[in-house]
Amino acid sequence: MRSRLVVIILIALAACSNTKDPANEKPAEPSPSPLNRAQAELEKAKQVAEQAAKQAMADAAEAQQRLTKLNSDLAELDLKVSQAVDHVTKAATEAERAAAKTELEALRKQKTELEARLAEAKAAAERAERLKGVHISKECMDNPLAKGCQ
């Protein structure tokens, strides 16, 4: 019986000596908590959303510039068409009248194409404006019934 007790004590001592000394171990790095991971993901999503908003604002500004340019081009073309109509009415000979009519038809065709591009640009500008989003001030968030928050 005594020999069994001695064997058990030796095994217990051996088991204790095989364990690592906690003083010599490096503390394990704490795994990020779910809250920290969620905050990191939220911050990343916020940055992506801000970048998308900036891009949408830039796209909206570009679309508005294109729309303005097309409107000015259309105004110039309208002036050319009215001048061509005047040339047709003031033409003295049949040859002058035919040349003026040909020029007028070419200008009308250009005007039709420009109006189609203008309609596309308007649609693109409206879409870009919608994608830009809406900013609601803190005052309106706190009190939606306040003056100017409708």
C-alpha atoms as a PDB file:
ATOM      1  CA  MET A   1       0.000   0.000   0.000  1.00  0.00           C
ATOM      2  CA  ARG A   2       2.813   2.297   0.837  1.00  0.00           C
ATOM      3  CA  SER A   3       4.446   1.710  -2.508  1.00  0.00           C
ATOM      4  CA  ARG A   4       1.213   2.654  -4.244  1.00  0.00           C
ATOM      5  CA  LEU A   5       1.050   5.851  -2.269  1.00  0.00           C
ATOM      6  CA  VAL A   6       4.625   6.662  -3.188  1.00  0.00           C
ATOM      7  CA  VAL A   7       3.888   6.024  -6.857  1.00  0.00           C
ATOM      8  CA  ILE A   8       0.822   8.275  -6.747  1.00  0.00           C
ATOM      9  CA  ILE A   9       2.814  11.042  -5.074  1.00  0.00           C
ATOM     10  CA  LEU A  10       5.586  10.731  -7.667  1.00  0.00           C
ATOM     11  CA  ILE A  11       3.078  10.893 -10.500  1.00  0.00           C
ATOM     12  CA  ALA A  12       1.444  13.955  -8.941  1.00  0.00           C
ATOM     13  CA  LEU A  13       4.836  15.643  -8.534  1.00  0.00           C
ATOM     14  CA  ALA A  14       5.747  14.841 -12.115  1.00  0.00           C
ATOM     15  CA  ALA A  15       2.444  16.241 -13.327  1.00  0.00           C
ATOM     16  CA  CYS A  16       2.980  19.408 -11.323  1.00  0.00           C
ATOM     17  CA  SER A  17       6.510  19.860 -12.594  1.00  0.00           C
ATOM     18  CA  ASN A  18       5.357  19.544 -16.209  1.00  0.00           C
ATOM     19  CA  THR A  19       2.968  22.464 -15.922  1.00  0.00           C
ATOM     20  CA  LYS A  20       4.265  25.757 -17.117  1.00  0.00           C
ATOM     21  CA  ASP A  21       5.112  28.456 -14.673  1.00  0.00           C
ATOM     22  CA  PRO A  22       2.545  31.258 -15.092  1.00  0.00           C
ATOM     23  CA  ALA A  23       5.172  33.849 -14.234  1.00  0.00           C
ATOM     24  CA  ASN A  24       7.246  32.841 -17.265  1.00  0.00           C
ATOM     25  CA  GLU A  25       4.313  32.743 -19.689  1.00  0.00           C
ATOM     26  CA  LYS A  26       3.345  35.692 -21.852  1.00  0.00           C
ATOM     27  CA  PRO A  27      -0.188  36.800 -21.248  1.00  0.00           C
ATOM     28  CA  ALA A  28      -2.424  35.757 -24.092  1.00  0.00           C
ATOM     29  CA  GLU A  29      -3.638  38.596 -26.251  1.00  0.00           C
ATOM     30  CA  PRO A  30      -7.274  39.149 -25.541  1.00  0.00           C
ATOM     31  CA  SER A  31      -9.437  38.333 -28.508  1.00  0.00           C
ATOM     32  CA  PRO A  32     -11.402  41.300 -29.736  1.00  0.00           C
ATOM     33  CA  SER A  33     -14.775  41.417 -28.151  1.00  0.00           C
ATOM     34  CA  PRO A  34     -17.865  41.336 -30.339  1.00  0.00           C
ATOM     35  CA  LEU A  35     -18.500  44.966 -29.420  1.00  0.00           C
ATOM     36  CA  ASN A  36     -15.047  46.030 -30.619  1.00  0.00           C
ATOM     37  CA  ARG A  37     -15.484  44.085 -33.842  1.00  0.00           C
ATOM     38  CA  ALA A  38     -18.896  45.640 -34.410  1.00  0.00           C
ATOM     39  CA  GLN A  39     -17.476  49.119 -33.814  1.00  0.00           C
ATOM     40  CA  ALA A  40     -14.654  48.467 -36.285  1.00  0.00           C
ATOM     41  CA  GLU A  41     -17.120  47.219 -38.907  1.00  0.00           C
ATOM     42  CA  LEU A  42     -19.350  50.220 -38.263  1.00  0.00           C
ATOM     43  CA  GLU A  43     -16.436  52.607 -38.720  1.00  0.00           C
ATOM     44  CA  LYS A  44     -15.445  50.897 -41.966  1.00  0.00           C
ATOM     45  CA  ALA A  45     -19.039  51.063 -43.250  1.00  0.00           C
ATOM     46  CA  LYS A  46     -19.173  54.744 -42.290  1.00  0.00           C
ATOM     47  CA  GLN A  47     -16.015  55.469 -44.286  1.00  0.00           C
ATOM     48  CA  VAL A  48     -17.384  53.613 -47.315  1.00  0.00           C
ATOM     49  CA  ALA A  49     -20.659  55.526 -47.075  1.00  0.00           C
ATOM     50  CA  GLU A  50     -18.861  58.867 -46.786  1.00  0.00           C
ATOM     51  CA  GLN A  51     -16.749  58.037 -49.838  1.00  0.00           C
ATOM     52  CA  ALA A  52     -19.863  57.062 -51.786  1.00  0.00           C
ATOM     53  CA  ALA A  53     -21.554  60.315 -50.772  1.00  0.00           C
ATOM     54  CA  LYS A  54     -18.558  62.366 -51.917  1.00  0.00           C
ATOM     55  CA  GLN A  55     -18.541  60.523 -55.244  1.00  0.00           C
ATOM     56  CA  ALA A  56     -22.280  61.079 -55.667  1.00  0.00           C
ATOM     57  CA  MET A  57     -21.849  64.796 -55.001  1.00  0.00           C
ATOM     58  CA  ALA A  58     -19.046  64.999 -57.561  1.00  0.00           C
ATOM     59  CA  ASP A  59     -21.171  63.111 -60.108  1.00  0.00           C
ATOM     60  CA  ALA A  60     -24.100  65.439 -59.483  1.00  0.00           C
ATOM     61  CA  ALA A  61     -21.927  68.515 -60.000  1.00  0.00           C
ATOM     62  CA  GLU A  62     -20.487  67.071 -63.216  1.00  0.00           C
ATOM     63  CA  ALA A  63     -23.947  66.203 -64.538  1.00  0.00           C
ATOM     64  CA  GLN A  64     -25.151  69.724 -63.747  1.00  0.00           C
ATOM     65  CA  GLN A  65     -22.195  71.215 -65.628  1.00  0.00           C
ATOM     66  CA  ARG A  66     -22.943  69.026 -68.657  1.00  0.00           C
ATOM     67  CA  LEU A  67     -26.575  70.093 -68.513  1.00  0.00           C
ATOM     68  CA  THR A  68     -25.620  73.774 -68.395  1.00  0.00           C
ATOM     69  CA  LYS A  69     -23.265  73.347 -71.360  1.00  0.00           C
ATOM     70  CA  LEU A  70     -25.915  71.563 -73.419  1.00  0.00           C
ATOM     71  CA  ASN A  71     -28.451  74.288 -72.618  1.00  0.00           C
ATOM     72  CA  SER A  72     -26.056  76.976 -73.853  1.00  0.00           C
ATOM     73  CA  ASP A  73     -25.299  74.919 -76.986  1.00  0.00           C
ATOM     74  CA  LEU A  74     -29.034  74.609 -77.628  1.00  0.00           C
ATOM     75  CA  ALA A  75     -29.485  78.366 -77.294  1.00  0.00           C
ATOM     76  CA  GLU A  76     -26.688  78.952 -79.822  1.00  0.00           C
ATOM     77  CA  LEU A  77     -28.213  76.425 -82.194  1.00  0.00           C
ATOM     78  CA  ASP A  78     -31.628  78.077 -81.892  1.00  0.00           C
ATOM     79  CA  LEU A  79     -30.009  81.348 -82.931  1.00  0.00           C
ATOM     80  CA  LYS A  80     -28.398  79.655 -85.952  1.00  0.00           C
ATOM     81  CA  VAL A  81     -31.731  78.085 -86.944  1.00  0.00           C
ATOM     82  CA  SER A  82     -33.505  81.425 -86.792  1.00  0.00           C
ATOM     83  CA  GLN A  83     -30.735  82.977 -88.930  1.00  0.00           C
ATOM     84  CA  ALA A  84     -31.075  80.140 -91.432  1.00  0.00           C
ATOM     85  CA  VAL A  85     -34.835  80.735 -91.613  1.00  0.00           C
ATOM     86  CA  ASP A  86     -34.105  84.404 -92.324  1.00  0.00           C
ATOM     87  CA  HIS A  87     -31.691  83.399 -95.112  1.00  0.00           C
ATOM     88  CA  VAL A  88     -34.382  81.198 -96.673  1.00  0.00           C
ATOM     89  CA  THR A  89     -36.929  84.003 -96.651  1.00  0.00           C
ATOM     90  CA  LYS A  90     -34.443  86.607 -97.928  1.00  0.00           C
ATOM     91  CA  ALA A  91     -32.934  84.421-100.662  1.00  0.00           C
ATOM     92  CA  ALA A  92     -33.321  86.132-104.039  1.00  0.00           C
ATOM     93  CA  THR A  93     -32.616  83.261-106.372  1.00  0.00           C
ATOM     94  CA  GLU A  94     -33.767  79.666-106.401  1.00  0.00           C
ATOM     95  CA  ALA A  95     -30.155  78.459-105.884  1.00  0.00           C
ATOM     96  CA  GLU A  96     -29.730  80.632-102.792  1.00  0.00           C
ATOM     97  CA  ARG A  97     -33.072  79.407-101.473  1.00  0.00           C
ATOM     98  CA  ALA A  98     -32.103  75.728-102.003  1.00  0.00           C
ATOM     99  CA  ALA A  99     -28.735  76.237-100.270  1.00  0.00           C
ATOM    100  CA  ALA A 100     -30.434  78.016 -97.342  1.00  0.00           C
ATOM    101  CA  LYS A 101     -33.030  75.228 -97.046  1.00  0.00           C
ATOM    102  CA  THR A 102     -30.290  72.587 -97.017  1.00  0.00           C
ATOM    103  CA  GLU A 103     -28.462  74.479 -94.279  1.00  0.00           C
ATOM    104  CA  LEU A 104     -31.720  74.880 -92.352  1.00  0.00           C
ATOM    105  CA  GLU A 105     -32.476  71.151 -92.506  1.00  0.00           C
ATOM    106  CA  ALA A 106     -28.951  70.308 -91.302  1.00  0.00           C
ATOM    107  CA  LEU A 107     -29.348  72.724 -88.381  1.00  0.00           C
ATOM    108  CA  ARG A 108     -32.749  71.281 -87.489  1.00  0.00           C
ATOM    109  CA  LYS A 109     -31.254  67.781 -87.467  1.00  0.00           C
ATOM    110  CA  GLN A 110     -28.454  68.985 -85.161  1.00  0.00           C
ATOM    111  CA  LYS A 111     -31.046  70.610 -82.919  1.00  0.00           C
ATOM    112  CA  THR A 112     -33.037  67.378 -82.677  1.00  0.00           C
ATOM    113  CA  GLU A 113     -29.901  65.409 -81.744  1.00  0.00           C
ATOM    114  CA  LEU A 114     -28.907  68.058 -79.208  1.00  0.00           C
ATOM    115  CA  GLU A 115     -32.370  67.995 -77.632  1.00  0.00           C
ATOM    116  CA  ALA A 116     -32.099  64.200 -77.270  1.00  0.00           C
ATOM    117  CA  ARG A 117     -28.685  64.556 -75.579  1.00  0.00           C
ATOM    118  CA  LEU A 118     -30.140  67.284 -73.371  1.00  0.00           C
ATOM    119  CA  ALA A 119     -32.973  64.985 -72.274  1.00  0.00           C
ATOM    120  CA  GLU A 120     -30.427  62.259 -71.430  1.00  0.00           C
ATOM    121  CA  ALA A 121     -28.316  64.755 -69.509  1.00  0.00           C
ATOM    122  CA  LYS A 122     -31.342  65.957 -67.545  1.00  0.00           C
ATOM    123  CA  ALA A 123     -32.197  62.389 -66.608  1.00  0.00           C
ATOM    124  CA  ALA A 124     -28.600  61.749 -65.552  1.00  0.00           C
ATOM    125  CA  ALA A 125     -28.503  64.958 -63.509  1.00  0.00           C
ATOM    126  CA  GLU A 126     -31.758  64.089 -61.752  1.00  0.00           C
ATOM    127  CA  ARG A 127     -30.494  60.586 -60.981  1.00  0.00           C
ATOM    128  CA  ALA A 128     -27.190  61.934 -59.666  1.00  0.00           C
ATOM    129  CA  GLU A 129     -29.083  64.422 -57.512  1.00  0.00           C
ATOM    130  CA  ARG A 130     -31.190  61.610 -56.041  1.00  0.00           C
ATOM    131  CA  LEU A 131     -28.097  59.494 -55.367  1.00  0.00           C
ATOM    132  CA  LYS A 132     -26.457  62.420 -53.612  1.00  0.00           C
ATOM    133  CA  GLY A 133     -28.903  61.951 -50.774  1.00  0.00           C
ATOM    134  CA  VAL A 134     -30.524  64.309 -48.344  1.00  0.00           C
ATOM    135  CA  HIS A 135     -29.016  65.935 -45.284  1.00  0.00           C
ATOM    136  CA  ILE A 136     -31.309  66.473 -42.322  1.00  0.00           C
ATOM    137  CA  SER A 137     -30.062  68.905 -39.700  1.00  0.00           C
ATOM    138  CA  LYS A 138     -29.794  67.923 -36.063  1.00  0.00           C
ATOM    139  CA  GLU A 139     -32.482  70.426 -35.139  1.00  0.00           C
ATOM    140  CA  CYS A 140     -34.939  68.754 -37.499  1.00  0.00           C
ATOM    141  CA  MET A 141     -33.944  65.320 -36.227  1.00  0.00           C
ATOM    142  CA  ASP A 142     -34.646  66.455 -32.654  1.00  0.00           C
ATOM    143  CA  ASN A 143     -37.897  68.247 -33.509  1.00  0.00           C
ATOM    144  CA  PRO A 144     -39.402  67.380 -36.915  1.00  0.00           C
ATOM    145  CA  LEU A 145     -42.260  69.816 -36.364  1.00  0.00           C
ATOM    146  CA  ALA A 146     -39.965  72.817 -35.998  1.00  0.00           C
ATOM    147  CA  LYS A 147     -40.157  75.675 -38.477  1.00  0.00           C
ATOM    148  CA  GLY A 148     -38.328  74.858 -41.713  1.00  0.00           C
ATOM    149  CA  CYS A 149     -38.195  71.106 -41.065  1.00  0.00           C
ATOM    150  CA  GLN A 150     -40.910  69.958 -43.432  1.00  0.00           C
END
